[in-house]
């Protein structure tokens, strides 16, 4: 009897790498599209506001979710202050979206509504740090513990909130 050949994990890793590369390029393109749309709306708004000082931002900006989702504090607030956004490739980071599922994230303070303490835990993509994460009070899932060496989604446990502690 011949022994069963060992399964090669090398090829599956190559396939995953190509898929992650494509995901990074897609995120790069989407973020560029969002930033360009925001900056064009900002310029358009201030040009129109110079002609009509009573112009209200909520009634003026284009609401097109294929380009942007306007949150009140960050994006509309930044636009009202005429704050331009520039793309920073250092903000393309890997994050854990659900336990054991990593994906690319554009971790920029202009576009992420609430980053909480994550910039302290992981100030850049080369920081070697660990956090322990547990479901927050009032969450829907049972008690769990998750340790990560990268950025975490607030809803990692699908419980509405997660609490992270630096180790």
Protein backbone atom coordinates (compact mmCIF):
# COMPACT_ATOMS: atom_id res chain seq x y z
CA UNK A 1 0.00 0.00 0.00
CA UNK A 2 1.27 3.41 -0.92
CA UNK A 3 1.01 6.14 1.69
CA UNK A 4 -1.45 8.92 0.91
CA UNK A 5 0.43 11.94 -0.37
CA UNK A 6 0.56 14.79 2.10
CA UNK A 7 -1.72 17.65 1.32
CA UNK A 8 0.10 20.72 0.08
CA UNK A 9 -0.80 23.90 1.94
CA UNK A 10 1.60 25.96 -0.12
CA UNK A 11 -0.79 26.35 -3.06
CA UNK A 12 -3.75 27.25 -0.88
CA UNK A 13 -1.64 29.95 0.77
CA UNK A 14 -0.75 31.35 -2.62
CA UNK A 15 -4.40 31.47 -3.59
CA UNK A 16 -5.30 33.25 -0.37
CA UNK A 17 -2.51 35.75 -0.90
CA UNK A 18 -3.77 36.62 -4.37
CA UNK A 19 -7.29 37.04 -3.06
CA UNK A 20 -6.11 39.31 -0.24
CA UNK A 21 -4.07 41.33 -2.72
CA UNK A 22 -7.17 41.87 -4.84
CA UNK A 23 -9.15 42.84 -1.71
CA UNK A 24 -6.47 45.40 -0.83
CA UNK A 25 -6.55 46.88 -4.32
CA UNK A 26 -10.38 47.02 -4.25
CA UNK A 27 -10.32 48.77 -0.88
CA UNK A 28 -7.69 51.20 -2.17
CA UNK A 29 -9.91 52.05 -5.17
CA UNK A 30 -13.07 52.40 -3.05
CA UNK A 31 -11.39 54.65 -0.50
CA UNK A 32 -9.95 56.83 -3.27
CA UNK A 33 -13.44 57.09 -4.79
CA UNK A 34 -14.93 58.06 -1.40
CA UNK A 35 -12.25 60.67 -0.67
CA UNK A 36 -12.56 62.17 -4.15
CA UNK A 37 -16.36 62.38 -3.82
CA UNK A 38 -16.08 63.99 -0.36
CA UNK A 39 -13.54 66.58 -1.52
CA UNK A 40 -15.61 67.45 -4.62
CA UNK A 41 -18.72 67.89 -2.47
CA UNK A 42 -16.72 70.05 -0.04
CA UNK A 43 -15.51 72.30 -2.86
CA UNK A 44 -18.95 72.42 -4.46
CA UNK A 45 -20.59 73.30 -1.13
CA UNK A 46 -18.20 76.15 -0.32
CA UNK A 47 -18.46 77.57 -3.81
CA UNK A 48 -22.27 77.61 -3.52
CA UNK A 49 -22.14 78.89 0.07
CA UNK A 50 -20.07 81.89 -1.05
CA UNK A 51 -23.09 82.89 -3.15
CA UNK A 52 -25.75 81.97 -0.56
CA UNK A 53 -24.63 82.14 3.09
CA UNK A 54 -27.90 80.57 4.33
CA UNK A 55 -27.17 77.31 2.48
CA UNK A 56 -27.60 74.24 4.69
CA UNK A 57 -25.24 71.34 4.22
CA UNK A 58 -27.92 68.65 4.83
CA UNK A 59 -30.00 69.95 1.93
CA UNK A 60 -27.07 70.51 -0.40
CA UNK A 61 -24.81 67.44 -0.37
CA UNK A 62 -25.50 64.44 -2.58
CA UNK A 63 -26.63 61.34 -0.71
CA UNK A 64 -25.26 58.52 -2.83
CA UNK A 65 -24.34 55.44 -0.81
CA UNK A 66 -22.32 54.03 -3.73
CA UNK A 67 -19.79 56.80 -2.98
CA UNK A 68 -20.20 57.76 0.67
CA UNK A 69 -22.34 57.43 3.79
CA UNK A 70 -22.53 60.80 5.49
CA UNK A 71 -22.18 60.52 9.26
CA UNK A 72 -22.95 63.66 11.24
CA UNK A 73 -19.83 64.04 13.32
CA UNK A 74 -16.93 63.09 11.08
CA UNK A 75 -17.81 63.65 7.46
CA UNK A 76 -20.50 66.32 7.56
CA UNK A 77 -18.68 68.02 10.44
CA UNK A 78 -15.41 67.99 8.50
CA UNK A 79 -17.12 69.27 5.38
CA UNK A 80 -18.73 72.14 7.32
CA UNK A 81 -15.25 73.11 8.55
CA UNK A 82 -13.88 72.86 4.99
CA UNK A 83 -11.52 70.09 6.06
CA UNK A 84 -9.98 68.26 3.09
CA UNK A 85 -9.20 64.56 3.32
CA UNK A 86 -6.07 63.11 1.77
CA UNK A 87 -5.42 59.43 1.17
CA UNK A 88 -2.72 57.95 3.42
CA UNK A 89 -1.50 54.50 2.32
CA UNK A 90 -0.23 53.87 5.87
CA UNK A 91 -3.86 53.72 6.99
CA UNK A 92 -4.50 50.55 4.95
CA UNK A 93 -4.34 47.94 7.70
CA UNK A 94 -5.35 44.37 8.43
CA UNK A 95 -8.16 43.97 10.97
CA UNK A 96 -10.16 41.12 12.46
CA UNK A 97 -13.74 41.52 11.26
CA UNK A 98 -15.19 38.40 12.92
CA UNK A 99 -13.23 35.85 14.95
CA UNK A 100 -10.62 34.31 12.66
CA UNK A 101 -11.63 36.45 9.66
CA UNK A 102 -9.12 39.11 8.70
CA UNK A 103 -9.64 41.73 6.03
CA UNK A 104 -8.19 45.05 5.00
CA UNK A 105 -9.46 48.21 6.64
CA UNK A 106 -8.79 51.88 5.94
CA UNK A 107 -8.10 52.97 9.54
CA UNK A 108 -8.17 56.73 9.07
CA UNK A 109 -9.46 59.18 11.68
CA UNK A 110 -11.42 61.16 9.07
CA UNK A 111 -13.39 58.15 7.82
CA UNK A 112 -13.75 55.88 10.87
CA UNK A 113 -16.47 57.25 13.13
CA UNK A 114 -15.16 55.86 16.44
CA UNK A 115 -11.71 54.32 16.70
CA UNK A 116 -11.75 54.24 20.52
CA UNK A 117 -8.40 53.07 22.01
CA UNK A 118 -7.34 51.04 18.99
CA UNK A 119 -4.78 53.66 17.81
CA UNK A 120 -3.12 53.37 21.23
CA UNK A 121 -2.99 49.57 21.01
CA UNK A 122 -1.93 49.46 17.35
CA UNK A 123 -0.46 52.84 16.29
CA UNK A 124 0.87 51.36 13.04
CA UNK A 125 0.82 48.08 11.15
CA UNK A 126 4.19 46.96 12.51
CA UNK A 127 3.30 47.29 16.20
CA UNK A 128 3.75 43.97 17.98
CA UNK A 129 1.03 44.09 20.62
CA UNK A 130 -1.73 41.88 21.97
CA UNK A 131 -5.22 42.74 23.17
CA UNK A 132 -7.72 40.54 24.93
CA UNK A 133 -11.30 41.13 23.93
CA UNK A 134 -14.51 40.14 25.75
CA UNK A 135 -18.18 40.81 24.97
CA UNK A 136 -19.48 44.05 26.41
CA UNK A 137 -22.16 44.36 29.04
CA UNK A 138 -25.64 43.69 27.70
CA UNK A 139 -24.37 41.81 24.67
CA UNK A 140 -26.29 39.01 22.99
CA UNK A 141 -23.57 36.37 23.04
CA UNK A 142 -22.29 34.24 25.89
CA UNK A 143 -19.02 35.08 27.57
CA UNK A 144 -16.07 34.54 25.23
CA UNK A 145 -12.46 35.60 25.10
CA UNK A 146 -10.53 36.50 21.99
CA UNK A 147 -6.87 37.53 21.84
CA UNK A 148 -5.62 39.42 18.81
CA UNK A 149 -2.43 40.97 17.52
CA UNK A 150 -4.25 43.31 15.15
CA UNK A 151 -7.13 45.80 15.00
CA UNK A 152 -10.55 44.48 16.00
CA UNK A 153 -14.08 45.24 14.85
CA UNK A 154 -16.28 46.68 17.61
CA UNK A 155 -18.88 43.98 16.86
CA UNK A 156 -16.46 41.07 16.75
CA UNK A 157 -18.78 38.92 18.87
CA UNK A 158 -21.97 40.08 17.10
CA UNK A 159 -23.04 41.27 20.53
CA UNK A 160 -23.30 44.95 19.82
CA UNK A 161 -20.08 45.84 21.59
CA UNK A 162 -16.75 44.34 22.56
CA UNK A 163 -14.31 45.54 25.17
CA UNK A 164 -10.57 45.25 24.54
CA UNK A 165 -7.73 45.38 27.03
CA UNK A 166 -4.07 45.69 26.18
CA UNK A 167 -1.92 42.80 27.43
